[in-house]
PDB file of all heavy atoms in Angstrom:
ATOM      1  N   GLY A   1      12.634 -27.122 -45.305  1.00  0.00           N
ATOM      2  CA  GLY A   1      11.530 -27.738 -44.585  1.00  0.00           C
ATOM      3  C   GLY A   1      11.816 -29.139 -44.093  1.00  0.00           C
ATOM      4  O   GLY A   1      11.274 -29.572 -43.087  1.00  0.00           O
ATOM      5  N   CYS A   2      12.661 -29.878 -44.803  1.00  0.00           N
ATOM      6  CA  CYS A   2      12.999 -31.262 -44.446  1.00  0.00           C
ATOM      7  C   CYS A   2      11.756 -32.111 -44.198  1.00  0.00           C
ATOM      8  O   CYS A   2      11.703 -32.899 -43.252  1.00  0.00           O
ATOM      9  CB  CYS A   2      13.909 -31.298 -43.228  1.00  0.00           C
ATOM     10  SG  CYS A   2      15.509 -30.568 -43.516  1.00  0.00           S
ATOM     11  N   THR A   3      10.754 -31.916 -45.012  1.00  0.00           N
ATOM     12  CA  THR A   3       9.522 -32.685 -44.882  1.00  0.00           C
ATOM     13  C   THR A   3       8.812 -32.712 -46.227  1.00  0.00           C
ATOM     14  O   THR A   3       9.312 -32.160 -47.203  1.00  0.00           O
ATOM     15  CB  THR A   3       8.611 -32.082 -43.779  1.00  0.00           C
ATOM     16  OG1 THR A   3       7.519 -32.948 -43.559  1.00  0.00           O
ATOM     17  CG2 THR A   3       8.123 -30.701 -44.142  1.00  0.00           C
ATOM     18  N   LYS A   4       7.639 -33.330 -46.275  1.00  0.00           N
ATOM     19  CA  LYS A   4       6.862 -33.351 -47.508  1.00  0.00           C
ATOM     20  C   LYS A   4       6.473 -31.936 -47.890  1.00  0.00           C
ATOM     21  O   LYS A   4       6.205 -31.095 -47.028  1.00  0.00           O
ATOM     22  CB  LYS A   4       5.601 -34.196 -47.328  1.00  0.00           C
ATOM     23  CG  LYS A   4       5.874 -35.657 -47.152  1.00  0.00           C
ATOM     24  CD  LYS A   4       4.568 -36.390 -47.009  1.00  0.00           C
ATOM     25  CE  LYS A   4       4.611 -37.144 -45.697  1.00  0.00           C
ATOM     26  NZ  LYS A   4       3.345 -37.624 -45.252  1.00  0.00           N
ATOM     27  N   LEU A   5       6.423 -31.669 -49.176  1.00  0.00           N
ATOM     28  CA  LEU A   5       6.139 -30.330 -49.675  1.00  0.00           C
ATOM     29  C   LEU A   5       4.842 -29.769 -49.102  1.00  0.00           C
ATOM     30  O   LEU A   5       4.765 -28.601 -48.744  1.00  0.00           O
ATOM     31  CB  LEU A   5       6.079 -30.353 -51.210  1.00  0.00           C
ATOM     32  CG  LEU A   5       6.450 -29.075 -51.943  1.00  0.00           C
ATOM     33  CD1 LEU A   5       7.762 -28.497 -51.467  1.00  0.00           C
ATOM     34  CD2 LEU A   5       6.499 -29.313 -53.430  1.00  0.00           C
ATOM     35  N   ASP A   6       3.814 -30.606 -48.970  1.00  0.00           N
ATOM     36  CA  ASP A   6       2.520 -30.142 -48.453  1.00  0.00           C
ATOM     37  C   ASP A   6       2.594 -29.727 -46.984  1.00  0.00           C
ATOM     38  O   ASP A   6       1.750 -28.974 -46.506  1.00  0.00           O
ATOM     39  CB  ASP A   6       1.459 -31.236 -48.604  1.00  0.00           C
ATOM     40  CG  ASP A   6       1.143 -31.513 -50.069  1.00  0.00           C
ATOM     41  OD1 ASP A   6       1.475 -30.673 -50.931  1.00  0.00           O
ATOM     42  OD2 ASP A   6       0.570 -32.586 -50.349  1.00  0.00           O
ATOM     43  N   ASP A   7       3.597 -30.243 -46.247  1.00  0.00           N
ATOM     44  CA  ASP A   7       3.700 -29.965 -44.815  1.00  0.00           C
ATOM     45  C   ASP A   7       4.580 -28.756 -44.496  1.00  0.00           C
ATOM     46  O   ASP A   7       4.756 -28.417 -43.324  1.00  0.00           O
ATOM     47  CB  ASP A   7       4.263 -31.194 -44.084  1.00  0.00           C
ATOM     48  CG  ASP A   7       3.318 -32.378 -44.145  1.00  0.00           C
ATOM     49  OD1 ASP A   7       2.115 -32.165 -44.408  1.00  0.00           O
ATOM     50  OD2 ASP A   7       3.785 -33.510 -43.936  1.00  0.00           O
ATOM     51  N   ILE A   8       5.155 -28.122 -45.503  1.00  0.00           N
ATOM     52  CA  ILE A   8       6.066 -27.008 -45.261  1.00  0.00           C
ATOM     53  C   ILE A   8       5.285 -25.741 -44.944  1.00  0.00           C
ATOM     54  O   ILE A   8       4.402 -25.340 -45.687  1.00  0.00           O
ATOM     55  CB  ILE A   8       7.007 -26.781 -46.469  1.00  0.00           C
ATOM     56  CG1 ILE A   8       7.929 -27.995 -46.631  1.00  0.00           C
ATOM     57  CG2 ILE A   8       7.821 -25.502 -46.305  1.00  0.00           C
ATOM     58  CD1 ILE A   8       8.780 -27.973 -47.862  1.00  0.00           C
ATOM     59  N   ASP A   9       5.630 -25.123 -43.825  1.00  0.00           N
ATOM     60  CA  ASP A   9       5.035 -23.853 -43.421  1.00  0.00           C
ATOM     61  C   ASP A   9       5.846 -22.752 -44.105  1.00  0.00           C
ATOM     62  O   ASP A   9       6.940 -22.413 -43.667  1.00  0.00           O
ATOM     63  CB  ASP A   9       5.096 -23.718 -41.897  1.00  0.00           C
ATOM     64  CG  ASP A   9       4.504 -22.427 -41.375  1.00  0.00           C
ATOM     65  OD1 ASP A   9       4.333 -21.467 -42.163  1.00  0.00           O
ATOM     66  OD2 ASP A   9       4.222 -22.374 -40.167  1.00  0.00           O
ATOM     67  N   GLU A  10       5.314 -22.217 -45.203  1.00  0.00           N
ATOM     68  CA  GLU A  10       6.072 -21.263 -46.016  1.00  0.00           C
ATOM     69  C   GLU A  10       6.388 -19.969 -45.276  1.00  0.00           C
ATOM     70  O   GLU A  10       7.450 -19.388 -45.474  1.00  0.00           O
ATOM     71  CB  GLU A  10       5.340 -20.984 -47.327  1.00  0.00           C
ATOM     72  CG  GLU A  10       5.396 -22.180 -48.248  1.00  0.00           C
ATOM     73  CD  GLU A  10       4.820 -21.893 -49.616  1.00  0.00           C
ATOM     74  OE1 GLU A  10       4.677 -20.726 -49.989  1.00  0.00           O
ATOM     75  OE2 GLU A  10       4.521 -22.871 -50.323  1.00  0.00           O
ATOM     76  N   SER A  11       5.484 -19.502 -44.431  1.00  0.00           N
ATOM     77  CA  SER A  11       5.786 -18.261 -43.701  1.00  0.00           C
ATOM     78  C   SER A  11       6.965 -18.489 -42.760  1.00  0.00           C
ATOM     79  O   SER A  11       7.833 -17.628 -42.619  1.00  0.00           O
ATOM     80  CB  SER A  11       4.562 -17.751 -42.943  1.00  0.00           C
ATOM     81  OG  SER A  11       4.160 -18.662 -41.957  1.00  0.00           O
ATOM     82  N   ARG A  12       7.023 -19.677 -42.148  1.00  0.00           N
ATOM     83  CA  ARG A  12       8.169 -20.005 -41.287  1.00  0.00           C
ATOM     84  C   ARG A  12       9.448 -20.139 -42.105  1.00  0.00           C
ATOM     85  O   ARG A  12      10.527 -19.736 -41.675  1.00  0.00           O
ATOM     86  CB  ARG A  12       7.885 -21.330 -40.576  1.00  0.00           C
ATOM     87  CG  ARG A  12       8.011 -21.230 -39.102  1.00  0.00           C
ATOM     88  CD  ARG A  12       7.604 -22.509 -38.443  1.00  0.00           C
ATOM     89  NE  ARG A  12       8.745 -22.954 -37.674  1.00  0.00           N
ATOM     90  CZ  ARG A  12       8.882 -24.158 -37.176  1.00  0.00           C
ATOM     91  NH1 ARG A  12       7.969 -25.054 -37.392  1.00  0.00           N
ATOM     92  NH2 ARG A  12       9.926 -24.467 -36.477  1.00  0.00           N
ATOM     93  N   MET A  13       9.315 -20.731 -43.302  1.00  0.00           N
ATOM     94  CA  MET A  13      10.467 -20.897 -44.177  1.00  0.00           C
ATOM     95  C   MET A  13      11.049 -19.534 -44.549  1.00  0.00           C
ATOM     96  O   MET A  13      12.250 -19.303 -44.449  1.00  0.00           O
ATOM     97  CB  MET A  13      10.072 -21.651 -45.444  1.00  0.00           C
ATOM     98  CG  MET A  13      11.217 -21.845 -46.425  1.00  0.00           C
ATOM     99  SD  MET A  13      10.677 -22.400 -48.048  1.00  0.00           S
ATOM    100  CE  MET A  13      10.082 -20.882 -48.755  1.00  0.00           C
ATOM    101  N   TRP A  14      10.183 -18.603 -44.969  1.00  0.00           N
ATOM    102  CA  TRP A  14      10.658 -17.276 -45.357  1.00  0.00           C
ATOM    103  C   TRP A  14      11.209 -16.511 -44.161  1.00  0.00           C
ATOM    104  O   TRP A  14      12.192 -15.790 -44.283  1.00  0.00           O
ATOM    105  CB  TRP A  14       9.551 -16.486 -46.066  1.00  0.00           C
ATOM    106  CG  TRP A  14       9.360 -16.993 -47.454  1.00  0.00           C
ATOM    107  CD1 TRP A  14       8.329 -17.746 -47.926  1.00  0.00           C
ATOM    108  CD2 TRP A  14      10.258 -16.832 -48.560  1.00  0.00           C
ATOM    109  NE1 TRP A  14       8.525 -18.061 -49.241  1.00  0.00           N
ATOM    110  CE2 TRP A  14       9.707 -17.514 -49.661  1.00  0.00           C
ATOM    111  CE3 TRP A  14      11.477 -16.188 -48.720  1.00  0.00           C
ATOM    112  CZ2 TRP A  14      10.328 -17.550 -50.904  1.00  0.00           C
ATOM    113  CZ3 TRP A  14      12.104 -16.230 -49.956  1.00  0.00           C
ATOM    114  CH2 TRP A  14      11.531 -16.910 -51.025  1.00  0.00           C
ATOM    115  N   ASP A  15      10.614 -16.696 -43.005  1.00  0.00           N
ATOM    116  CA  ASP A  15      11.124 -16.063 -41.794  1.00  0.00           C
ATOM    117  C   ASP A  15      12.526 -16.585 -41.490  1.00  0.00           C
ATOM    118  O   ASP A  15      13.430 -15.815 -41.147  1.00  0.00           O
ATOM    119  CB  ASP A  15      10.172 -16.336 -40.625  1.00  0.00           C
ATOM    120  CG  ASP A  15      10.606 -15.636 -39.355  1.00  0.00           C
ATOM    121  OD1 ASP A  15      10.834 -14.402 -39.402  1.00  0.00           O
ATOM    122  OD2 ASP A  15      10.712 -16.313 -38.308  1.00  0.00           O
ATOM    123  N   SER A  16      12.725 -17.894 -41.636  1.00  0.00           N
ATOM    124  CA  SER A  16      14.048 -18.495 -41.412  1.00  0.00           C
ATOM    125  C   SER A  16      15.070 -17.973 -42.405  1.00  0.00           C
ATOM    126  O   SER A  16      16.208 -17.664 -42.034  1.00  0.00           O
ATOM    127  CB  SER A  16      13.965 -20.018 -41.522  1.00  0.00           C
ATOM    128  OG  SER A  16      13.111 -20.534 -40.556  1.00  0.00           O
ATOM    129  N   LEU A  17      14.663 -17.880 -43.669  1.00  0.00           N
ATOM    130  CA  LEU A  17      15.577 -17.351 -44.686  1.00  0.00           C
ATOM    131  C   LEU A  17      15.969 -15.913 -44.376  1.00  0.00           C
ATOM    132  O   LEU A  17      17.135 -15.525 -44.522  1.00  0.00           O
ATOM    133  CB  LEU A  17      14.935 -17.426 -46.073  1.00  0.00           C
ATOM    134  CG  LEU A  17      14.936 -18.795 -46.738  1.00  0.00           C
ATOM    135  CD1 LEU A  17      14.026 -18.798 -47.959  1.00  0.00           C
ATOM    136  CD2 LEU A  17      16.350 -19.203 -47.127  1.00  0.00           C
ATOM    137  N   GLU A  18      14.989 -15.126 -43.927  1.00  0.00           N
ATOM    138  CA  GLU A  18      15.274 -13.726 -43.604  1.00  0.00           C
ATOM    139  C   GLU A  18      16.218 -13.630 -42.412  1.00  0.00           C
ATOM    140  O   GLU A  18      17.181 -12.865 -42.443  1.00  0.00           O
ATOM    141  CB  GLU A  18      13.964 -12.990 -43.315  1.00  0.00           C
ATOM    142  CG  GLU A  18      14.147 -11.492 -43.222  1.00  0.00           C
ATOM    143  CD  GLU A  18      12.825 -10.742 -43.275  1.00  0.00           C
ATOM    144  OE1 GLU A  18      11.757 -11.376 -43.373  1.00  0.00           O
ATOM    145  OE2 GLU A  18      12.877  -9.514 -43.216  1.00  0.00           O
ATOM    146  N   LYS A  19      15.969 -14.424 -41.368  1.00  0.00           N
ATOM    147  CA  LYS A  19      16.831 -14.404 -40.181  1.00  0.00           C
ATOM    148  C   LYS A  19      18.248 -14.851 -40.506  1.00  0.00           C
ATOM    149  O   LYS A  19      19.199 -14.394 -39.889  1.00  0.00           O
ATOM    150  CB  LYS A  19      16.235 -15.289 -39.087  1.00  0.00           C
ATOM    151  CG  LYS A  19      15.026 -14.663 -38.419  1.00  0.00           C
ATOM    152  CD  LYS A  19      14.439 -15.588 -37.375  1.00  0.00           C
ATOM    153  CE  LYS A  19      13.234 -14.942 -36.718  1.00  0.00           C
ATOM    154  NZ  LYS A  19      12.544 -15.861 -35.811  1.00  0.00           N
ATOM    155  N   ALA A  20      18.380 -15.760 -41.478  1.00  0.00           N
ATOM    156  CA  ALA A  20      19.698 -16.243 -41.875  1.00  0.00           C
ATOM    157  C   ALA A  20      20.378 -15.312 -42.874  1.00  0.00           C
ATOM    158  O   ALA A  20      21.523 -15.528 -43.261  1.00  0.00           O
ATOM    159  CB  ALA A  20      19.584 -17.645 -42.477  1.00  0.00           C
ATOM    160  N   GLY A  21      19.656 -14.272 -43.305  1.00  0.00           N
ATOM    161  CA  GLY A  21      20.223 -13.326 -44.266  1.00  0.00           C
ATOM    162  C   GLY A  21      20.266 -13.874 -45.685  1.00  0.00           C
ATOM    163  O   GLY A  21      21.077 -13.424 -46.493  1.00  0.00           O
ATOM    164  N   LEU A  22      19.393 -14.826 -45.993  1.00  0.00           N
ATOM    165  CA  LEU A  22      19.418 -15.474 -47.310  1.00  0.00           C
ATOM    166  C   LEU A  22      18.188 -15.196 -48.159  1.00  0.00           C
ATOM    167  O   LEU A  22      18.106 -15.650 -49.294  1.00  0.00           O
ATOM    168  CB  LEU A  22      19.569 -16.991 -47.140  1.00  0.00           C
ATOM    169  CG  LEU A  22      20.887 -17.454 -46.529  1.00  0.00           C
ATOM    170  CD1 LEU A  22      20.826 -18.933 -46.206  1.00  0.00           C
ATOM    171  CD2 LEU A  22      22.034 -17.156 -47.470  1.00  0.00           C
ATOM    172  N   LYS A  23      17.227 -14.459 -47.630  1.00  0.00           N
ATOM    173  CA  LYS A  23      15.977 -14.247 -48.349  1.00  0.00           C
ATOM    174  C   LYS A  23      16.220 -13.568 -49.701  1.00  0.00           C
ATOM    175  O   LYS A  23      15.728 -14.021 -50.733  1.00  0.00           O
ATOM    176  CB  LYS A  23      15.009 -13.414 -47.508  1.00  0.00           C
ATOM    177  CG  LYS A  23      13.662 -13.224 -48.172  1.00  0.00           C
ATOM    178  CD  LYS A  23      12.715 -12.434 -47.289  1.00  0.00           C
ATOM    179  CE  LYS A  23      11.403 -12.202 -48.014  1.00  0.00           C
ATOM    180  NZ  LYS A  23      10.524 -11.316 -47.274  1.00  0.00           N
ATOM    181  N   GLU A  24      16.989 -12.487 -49.709  1.00  0.00           N
ATOM    182  CA  GLU A  24      17.250 -11.768 -50.970  1.00  0.00           C
ATOM    183  C   GLU A  24      17.999 -12.642 -51.959  1.00  0.00           C
ATOM    184  O   GLU A  24      17.735 -12.584 -53.164  1.00  0.00           O
ATOM    185  CB  GLU A  24      18.027 -10.486 -50.692  1.00  0.00           C
ATOM    186  CG  GLU A  24      17.193  -9.434 -49.981  1.00  0.00           C
ATOM    187  CD  GLU A  24      17.976  -8.169 -49.669  1.00  0.00           C
ATOM    188  OE1 GLU A  24      19.151  -8.052 -50.090  1.00  0.00           O
ATOM    189  OE2 GLU A  24      17.404  -7.302 -48.995  1.00  0.00           O
ATOM    190  N   LYS A  25      18.908 -13.465 -51.465  1.00  0.00           N
ATOM    191  CA  LYS A  25      19.661 -14.355 -52.346  1.00  0.00           C
ATOM    192  C   LYS A  25      18.711 -15.352 -53.023  1.00  0.00           C
ATOM    193  O   LYS A  25      18.771 -15.559 -54.234  1.00  0.00           O
ATOM    194  CB  LYS A  25      20.739 -15.105 -51.548  1.00  0.00           C
ATOM    195  CG  LYS A  25      21.556 -16.060 -52.366  1.00  0.00           C
ATOM    196  CD  LYS A  25      22.441 -15.336 -53.335  1.00  0.00           C
ATOM    197  CE  LYS A  25      23.373 -16.292 -54.031  1.00  0.00           C
ATOM    198  NZ  LYS A  25      24.084 -15.668 -55.117  1.00  0.00           N
ATOM    199  N   VAL A  26      17.822 -15.955 -52.248  1.00  0.00           N
ATOM    200  CA  VAL A  26      16.871 -16.921 -52.806  1.00  0.00           C
ATOM    201  C   VAL A  26      15.944 -16.239 -53.803  1.00  0.00           C
ATOM    202  O   VAL A  26      15.657 -16.785 -54.865  1.00  0.00           O
ATOM    203  CB  VAL A  26      16.070 -17.610 -51.678  1.00  0.00           C
ATOM    204  CG1 VAL A  26      14.937 -18.458 -52.242  1.00  0.00           C
ATOM    205  CG2 VAL A  26      16.998 -18.474 -50.831  1.00  0.00           C
ATOM    206  N   GLU A  27      15.499 -15.036 -53.474  1.00  0.00           N
ATOM    207  CA  GLU A  27      14.623 -14.299 -54.383  1.00  0.00           C
ATOM    208  C   GLU A  27      15.313 -13.967 -55.701  1.00  0.00           C
ATOM    209  O   GLU A  27      14.659 -13.826 -56.730  1.00  0.00           O
ATOM    210  CB  GLU A  27      14.141 -13.005 -53.720  1.00  0.00           C
ATOM    211  CG  GLU A  27      13.191 -13.232 -52.576  1.00  0.00           C
ATOM    212  CD  GLU A  27      12.864 -11.955 -51.814  1.00  0.00           C
ATOM    213  OE1 GLU A  27      13.632 -10.984 -51.889  1.00  0.00           O
ATOM    214  OE2 GLU A  27      11.827 -11.932 -51.139  1.00  0.00           O
TER     215      GLU A  27
END
């Protein structure tokens, strides 16, 4: 997110992780 925790858009974060192929690794 590179921002304050309250400002992080989690759905965008998970979408980014999925597009990068890292979602399963993080989970």
